[in-house]
C-alpha atoms as a PDB file:
ATOM      1  CA  UNK A   1      68.120 -20.506  61.105  1.00  0.00           C
ATOM      2  CA  UNK A   2      65.765 -23.598  59.441  1.00  0.00           C
ATOM      3  CA  UNK A   3      63.591 -25.202  61.446  1.00  0.00           C
ATOM      4  CA  UNK A   4      60.466 -27.312  60.376  1.00  0.00           C
ATOM      5  CA  UNK A   5      57.863 -24.835  59.733  1.00  0.00           C
ATOM      6  CA  UNK A   6      59.157 -23.542  57.153  1.00  0.00           C
ATOM      7  CA  UNK A   7      59.207 -25.810  55.105  1.00  0.00           C
ATOM      8  CA  UNK A   8      55.477 -26.956  56.371  1.00  0.00           C
ATOM      9  CA  UNK A   9      54.965 -23.297  54.676  1.00  0.00           C
ATOM     10  CA  UNK A  10      56.460 -24.102  51.364  1.00  0.00           C
ATOM     11  CA  UNK A  11      55.007 -27.646  51.182  1.00  0.00           C
ATOM     12  CA  UNK A  12      51.632 -26.824  52.610  1.00  0.00           C
ATOM     13  CA  UNK A  13      48.832 -26.787  49.832  1.00  0.00           C
ATOM     14  CA  UNK A  14      46.846 -23.496  49.158  1.00  0.00           C
ATOM     15  CA  UNK A  15      44.094 -23.786  47.370  1.00  0.00           C
ATOM     16  CA  UNK A  16      44.723 -21.992  44.299  1.00  0.00           C
ATOM     17  CA  UNK A  17      47.082 -25.281  43.799  1.00  0.00           C
ATOM     18  CA  UNK A  18      44.850 -27.798  45.194  1.00  0.00           C
ATOM     19  CA  UNK A  19      44.053 -31.151  42.473  1.00  0.00           C
ATOM     20  CA  UNK A  20      41.113 -33.628  43.428  1.00  0.00           C
ATOM     21  CA  UNK A  21      43.540 -35.750  42.031  1.00  0.00           C
ATOM     22  CA  UNK A  22      47.280 -36.091  41.687  1.00  0.00           C
ATOM     23  CA  UNK A  23      47.249 -38.960  38.698  1.00  0.00           C
ATOM     24  CA  UNK A  24      47.988 -36.888  36.059  1.00  0.00           C
ATOM     25  CA  UNK A  25      45.448 -38.906  33.421  1.00  0.00           C
ATOM     26  CA  UNK A  26      43.588 -38.069  35.807  1.00  0.00           C
ATOM     27  CA  UNK A  27      43.507 -34.645  35.867  1.00  0.00           C
ATOM     28  CA  UNK A  28      43.724 -34.324  31.901  1.00  0.00           C
ATOM     29  CA  UNK A  29      40.320 -36.072  31.885  1.00  0.00           C
ATOM     30  CA  UNK A  30      38.844 -33.649  34.018  1.00  0.00           C
ATOM     31  CA  UNK A  31      40.704 -30.778  32.374  1.00  0.00           C
ATOM     32  CA  UNK A  32      38.441 -31.703  28.608  1.00  0.00           C
ATOM     33  CA  UNK A  33      35.786 -32.481  30.910  1.00  0.00           C
ATOM     34  CA  UNK A  34      35.099 -29.189  32.142  1.00  0.00           C
ATOM     35  CA  UNK A  35      35.960 -27.558  28.765  1.00  0.00           C
ATOM     36  CA  UNK A  36      33.906 -29.366  26.935  1.00  0.00           C
ATOM     37  CA  UNK A  37      30.797 -28.507  29.744  1.00  0.00           C
ATOM     38  CA  UNK A  38      32.561 -24.487  29.278  1.00  0.00           C
ATOM     39  CA  UNK A  39      32.034 -25.441  25.287  1.00  0.00           C
ATOM     40  CA  UNK A  40      28.785 -26.032  26.408  1.00  0.00           C
ATOM     41  CA  UNK A  41      27.379 -23.607  27.710  1.00  0.00           C
ATOM     42  CA  UNK A  42      28.979 -20.847  25.840  1.00  0.00           C
ATOM     43  CA  UNK A  43      27.270 -22.334  22.819  1.00  0.00           C
ATOM     44  CA  UNK A  44      23.793 -22.582  24.971  1.00  0.00           C
ATOM     45  CA  UNK A  45      23.658 -18.993  24.986  1.00  0.00           C
ATOM     46  CA  UNK A  46      19.826 -17.500  23.571  1.00  0.00           C
ATOM     47  CA  UNK A  47      20.290 -15.991  20.140  1.00  0.00           C
ATOM     48  CA  UNK A  48      20.117 -11.893  20.486  1.00  0.00           C
ATOM     49  CA  UNK A  49      16.619 -10.267  19.818  1.00  0.00           C
ATOM     50  CA  UNK A  50      15.700 -10.663  16.286  1.00  0.00           C
ATOM     51  CA  UNK A  51      16.477  -7.238  14.277  1.00  0.00           C
ATOM     52  CA  UNK A  52      13.270  -8.118  12.549  1.00  0.00           C
ATOM     53  CA  UNK A  53      10.590 -11.093  10.708  1.00  0.00           C
ATOM     54  CA  UNK A  54      13.697 -12.423   8.536  1.00  0.00           C
ATOM     55  CA  UNK A  55      16.532 -12.268  11.342  1.00  0.00           C
ATOM     56  CA  UNK A  56      13.497 -13.828  13.393  1.00  0.00           C
ATOM     57  CA  UNK A  57      13.345 -16.929  11.270  1.00  0.00           C
ATOM     58  CA  UNK A  58      16.875 -17.176  10.632  1.00  0.00           C
ATOM     59  CA  UNK A  59      16.839 -18.151  14.275  1.00  0.00           C
ATOM     60  CA  UNK A  60      13.654 -19.836  14.162  1.00  0.00           C
ATOM     61  CA  UNK A  61      15.022 -22.291  10.955  1.00  0.00           C
ATOM     62  CA  UNK A  62      18.620 -22.791  13.669  1.00  0.00           C
ATOM     63  CA  UNK A  63      16.855 -23.700  16.806  1.00  0.00           C
ATOM     64  CA  UNK A  64      14.506 -25.767  14.651  1.00  0.00           C
ATOM     65  CA  UNK A  65      18.139 -27.641  12.320  1.00  0.00           C
ATOM     66  CA  UNK A  66      19.495 -28.033  16.605  1.00  0.00           C
ATOM     67  CA  UNK A  67      16.321 -29.745  18.083  1.00  0.00           C
ATOM     68  CA  UNK A  68      16.377 -32.559  14.503  1.00  0.00           C
ATOM     69  CA  UNK A  69      20.101 -32.456  14.819  1.00  0.00           C
ATOM     70  CA  UNK A  70      19.855 -33.474  18.757  1.00  0.00           C
ATOM     71  CA  UNK A  71      16.962 -35.579  18.440  1.00  0.00           C
ATOM     72  CA  UNK A  72      19.187 -38.167  15.565  1.00  0.00           C
ATOM     73  CA  UNK A  73      21.987 -38.294  16.839  1.00  0.00           C
ATOM     74  CA  UNK A  74      20.498 -39.993  19.664  1.00  0.00           C
ATOM     75  CA  UNK A  75      19.967 -42.724  17.732  1.00  0.00           C
ATOM     76  CA  UNK A  76      17.578 -43.875  14.153  1.00  0.00           C
ATOM     77  CA  UNK A  77      13.956 -41.451  14.140  1.00  0.00           C
ATOM     78  CA  UNK A  78      11.033 -41.776  12.886  1.00  0.00           C
ATOM     79  CA  UNK A  79       8.886 -39.558  10.471  1.00  0.00           C
ATOM     80  CA  UNK A  80       6.293 -39.393  13.383  1.00  0.00           C
ATOM     81  CA  UNK A  81       9.053 -39.129  15.950  1.00  0.00           C
ATOM     82  CA  UNK A  82      11.016 -36.042  14.301  1.00  0.00           C
ATOM     83  CA  UNK A  83       7.091 -34.624  13.753  1.00  0.00           C
ATOM     84  CA  UNK A  84       6.585 -33.754  17.458  1.00  0.00           C
ATOM     85  CA  UNK A  85       9.751 -31.567  17.836  1.00  0.00           C
ATOM     86  CA  UNK A  86       7.515 -28.914  17.072  1.00  0.00           C
ATOM     87  CA  UNK A  87       5.949 -29.310  19.936  1.00  0.00           C
ATOM     88  CA  UNK A  88       9.197 -28.600  21.611  1.00  0.00           C
ATOM     89  CA  UNK A  89       9.996 -25.144  19.935  1.00  0.00           C
ATOM     90  CA  UNK A  90       8.100 -21.507  20.765  1.00  0.00           C
ATOM     91  CA  UNK A  91       4.754 -21.145  19.436  1.00  0.00           C
ATOM     92  CA  UNK A  92       6.395 -17.769  17.614  1.00  0.00           C
ATOM     93  CA  UNK A  93       8.983 -20.449  15.969  1.00  0.00           C
ATOM     94  CA  UNK A  94       5.996 -22.575  14.911  1.00  0.00           C
ATOM     95  CA  UNK A  95       3.878 -19.046  13.701  1.00  0.00           C
ATOM     96  CA  UNK A  96       7.265 -18.147  11.270  1.00  0.00           C
ATOM     97  CA  UNK A  97       8.050 -21.115  10.061  1.00  0.00           C
ATOM     98  CA  UNK A  98       4.525 -22.367   8.492  1.00  0.00           C
ATOM     99  CA  UNK A  99       4.162 -19.110   7.046  1.00  0.00           C
ATOM    100  CA  UNK A 100       7.867 -19.857   5.375  1.00  0.00           C
ATOM    101  CA  UNK A 101       6.592 -23.322   4.425  1.00  0.00           C
ATOM    102  CA  UNK A 102       3.405 -21.375   3.066  1.00  0.00           C
ATOM    103  CA  UNK A 103       5.872 -19.894   0.769  1.00  0.00           C
ATOM    104  CA  UNK A 104       7.731 -22.921  -0.267  1.00  0.00           C
ATOM    105  CA  UNK A 105       4.103 -25.125  -1.386  1.00  0.00           C
ATOM    106  CA  UNK A 106       0.964 -23.536  -0.132  1.00  0.00           C
ATOM    107  CA  UNK A 107      -0.029 -26.806  -0.137  1.00  0.00           C
ATOM    108  CA  UNK A 108       1.708 -28.773   2.060  1.00  0.00           C
ATOM    109  CA  UNK A 109       1.722 -26.397   4.801  1.00  0.00           C
END
């Protein structure tokens, strides 16, 4: 015995198969955007606590490099624009990087 209600139950939209769009290209684009968001969130996790001073210095260098790359990707920058990056870094990073700079070039730092 087949009535209309059994067919409606089979074709009813289930919450776990809900799709915002029926267009395959749009679904693919949305999936790409979701994966990009997940990658960004995972790579933006905070660094683990540094075990020692050299480990902290490496993390500070990594944060500085990341900020420089982000600034440069947005377009051409002057030396002054790049020098302002230090204002966005934690104080401890600035202190650790300044100490390292003094070792490399005592006159400059």
